[in-house]
C-alpha atoms as a PDB file:
ATOM      1  CA  MET A   1      -0.576  16.358  20.754  1.00  0.00           C
ATOM      2  CA  TRP A   2       2.600  17.346  21.923  1.00  0.00           C
ATOM      3  CA  CYS A   3       2.160  16.217  25.450  1.00  0.00           C
ATOM      4  CA  GLY A   4      -0.515  13.409  24.752  1.00  0.00           C
ATOM      5  CA  THR A   5      -0.479  10.205  23.995  1.00  0.00           C
ATOM      6  CA  PHE A   6      -0.754   9.659  20.023  1.00  0.00           C
ATOM      7  CA  SER A   7      -3.162   6.824  19.978  1.00  0.00           C
ATOM      8  CA  ARG A   8      -4.819   4.912  16.829  1.00  0.00           C
ATOM      9  CA  SER A   9      -8.207   6.689  17.421  1.00  0.00           C
ATOM     10  CA  LEU A  10      -6.726   9.939  17.271  1.00  0.00           C
ATOM     11  CA  TRP A  11      -4.935   8.944  14.029  1.00  0.00           C
ATOM     12  CA  GLN A  12      -8.539   7.555  12.563  1.00  0.00           C
ATOM     13  CA  VAL A  13     -10.155  11.187  13.511  1.00  0.00           C
ATOM     14  CA  LEU A  14      -7.293  13.137  12.014  1.00  0.00           C
ATOM     15  CA  ALA A  15      -7.840  11.148   9.010  1.00  0.00           C
ATOM     16  CA  LEU A  16     -11.529  11.527   8.724  1.00  0.00           C
ATOM     17  CA  ALA A  17     -11.165  15.121   9.763  1.00  0.00           C
ATOM     18  CA  GLY A  18      -8.763  16.015   7.054  1.00  0.00           C
ATOM     19  CA  GLY A  19     -10.211  13.782   4.448  1.00  0.00           C
ATOM     20  CA  VAL A  20     -13.565  15.924   4.829  1.00  0.00           C
ATOM     21  CA  GLY A  21     -11.798  19.241   5.319  1.00  0.00           C
ATOM     22  CA  PHE A  22      -9.997  18.597   1.934  1.00  0.00           C
ATOM     23  CA  ALA A  23     -12.473  16.896   0.352  1.00  0.00           C
ATOM     24  CA  THR A  24     -14.737  19.876   0.960  1.00  0.00           C
ATOM     25  CA  ALA A  25     -12.238  22.993   0.172  1.00  0.00           C
ATOM     26  CA  ILE A  26     -10.983  21.201  -3.198  1.00  0.00           C
ATOM     27  CA  GLY A  27     -14.280  19.342  -4.023  1.00  0.00           C
ATOM     28  CA  GLU A  28     -16.809  22.588  -3.870  1.00  0.00           C
ATOM     29  CA  HIS A  29     -14.686  24.963  -6.402  1.00  0.00           C
ATOM     30  CA  PRO A  30     -15.665  22.508  -9.731  1.00  0.00           C
ATOM     31  CA  LEU A  31     -19.285  22.433  -8.470  1.00  0.00           C
ATOM     32  CA  ILE A  32     -19.393  26.285  -8.265  1.00  0.00           C
ATOM     33  CA  GLY A  33     -17.764  26.854 -11.782  1.00  0.00           C
ATOM     34  CA  TYR A  34     -14.152  28.021 -10.187  1.00  0.00           C
ATOM     35  CA  PRO A  35     -11.782  25.428 -11.227  1.00  0.00           C
ATOM     36  CA  ASP A  36      -8.642  27.669 -11.667  1.00  0.00           C
ATOM     37  CA  PHE A  37      -5.749  25.564 -10.123  1.00  0.00           C
ATOM     38  CA  SER A  38      -3.577  28.283  -9.171  1.00  0.00           C
ATOM     39  CA  HIS A  39      -6.217  28.983  -6.787  1.00  0.00           C
ATOM     40  CA  LEU A  40      -6.307  25.761  -5.457  1.00  0.00           C
ATOM     41  CA  ALA A  41      -2.488  24.848  -5.570  1.00  0.00           C
ATOM     42  CA  PRO A  42      -1.972  25.434  -2.048  1.00  0.00           C
ATOM     43  CA  ALA A  43      -4.603  23.184  -1.131  1.00  0.00           C
ATOM     44  CA  PHE A  44      -3.460  20.421  -3.325  1.00  0.00           C
ATOM     45  CA  VAL A  45      -0.013  21.124  -1.322  1.00  0.00           C
ATOM     46  CA  GLY A  46      -1.220  20.779   1.587  1.00  0.00           C
ATOM     47  CA  LEU A  47      -3.577  17.685   0.887  1.00  0.00           C
ATOM     48  CA  GLY A  48      -0.203  16.089  -0.143  1.00  0.00           C
ATOM     49  CA  LEU A  49       1.618  16.875   3.251  1.00  0.00           C
ATOM     50  CA  PHE A  50      -1.425  15.818   4.836  1.00  0.00           C
ATOM     51  CA  VAL A  51      -1.330  12.388   3.263  1.00  0.00           C
ATOM     52  CA  ALA A  52       2.434  11.923   3.581  1.00  0.00           C
ATOM     53  CA  GLY A  53       2.241  12.513   7.519  1.00  0.00           C
ATOM     54  CA  LEU A  54      -0.407   9.995   7.480  1.00  0.00           C
ATOM     55  CA  TRP A  55       1.291   7.535   5.498  1.00  0.00           C
ATOM     56  CA  LEU A  56       4.358   7.798   7.624  1.00  0.00           C
ATOM     57  CA  SER A  57       2.671   8.158  10.917  1.00  0.00           C
ATOM     58  CA  TYR A  58       0.798   4.899   9.869  1.00  0.00           C
ATOM     59  CA  THR A  59       3.178   2.163  10.903  1.00  0.00           C
ATOM     60  CA  PRO A  60       4.368   3.799  14.221  1.00  0.00           C
ATOM     61  CA  ILE A  61       0.660   4.293  15.343  1.00  0.00           C
ATOM     62  CA  HIS A  62      -1.041   0.861  14.470  1.00  0.00           C
ATOM     63  CA  TYR A  63       2.233  -1.371  14.800  1.00  0.00           C
ATOM     64  CA  PRO A  64       4.401   0.107  17.592  1.00  0.00           C
ATOM     65  CA  LYS A  65       6.443  -3.232  17.937  1.00  0.00           C
ATOM     66  CA  GLY A  66       7.218  -2.700  14.200  1.00  0.00           C
ATOM     67  CA  LEU A  67       5.488  -4.954  11.033  1.00  0.00           C
ATOM     68  CA  ALA A  68       7.427  -7.970  12.566  1.00  0.00           C
ATOM     69  CA  GLY A  69       5.872  -7.388  16.103  1.00  0.00           C
ATOM     70  CA  ALA A  70       2.316  -7.657  14.620  1.00  0.00           C
ATOM     71  CA  TYR A  71       3.081 -11.579  14.140  1.00  0.00           C
ATOM     72  CA  ARG A  72       4.012 -14.200  16.527  1.00  0.00           C
ATOM     73  CA  SER A  73       7.499 -15.346  16.155  1.00  0.00           C
ATOM     74  CA  ASP A  74       6.684 -18.921  15.178  1.00  0.00           C
ATOM     75  CA  GLU A  75       4.058 -17.990  12.617  1.00  0.00           C
ATOM     76  CA  LEU A  76       6.965 -16.252  10.582  1.00  0.00           C
ATOM     77  CA  SER A  77       8.867 -19.360  10.885  1.00  0.00           C
ATOM     78  CA  GLN A  78       6.105 -21.597   9.335  1.00  0.00           C
ATOM     79  CA  PRO A  79       6.035 -22.346   5.617  1.00  0.00           C
ATOM     80  CA  VAL A  80       2.893 -20.625   4.085  1.00  0.00           C
ATOM     81  CA  VAL A  81       0.576 -23.460   2.272  1.00  0.00           C
ATOM     82  CA  ALA A  82      -1.910 -22.470  -0.122  1.00  0.00           C
END
């Protein structure tokens, strides 16, 4: 990812792979009767960092021109009619 282009589909695959991986790593322990939080703490820290990274990279990947670039400029000046 250092030398390549970070695309929307790559972001989606990373989100899916991380979601499956963390769900498996954290979710299996209570099922086998080993819900020790101190044992799972590193996985929860990793999950938090992973989610933070996805959250911070969402807008630059999905809206490369910024959120204002997602709309036409004339749409922004029109009043919203409900």
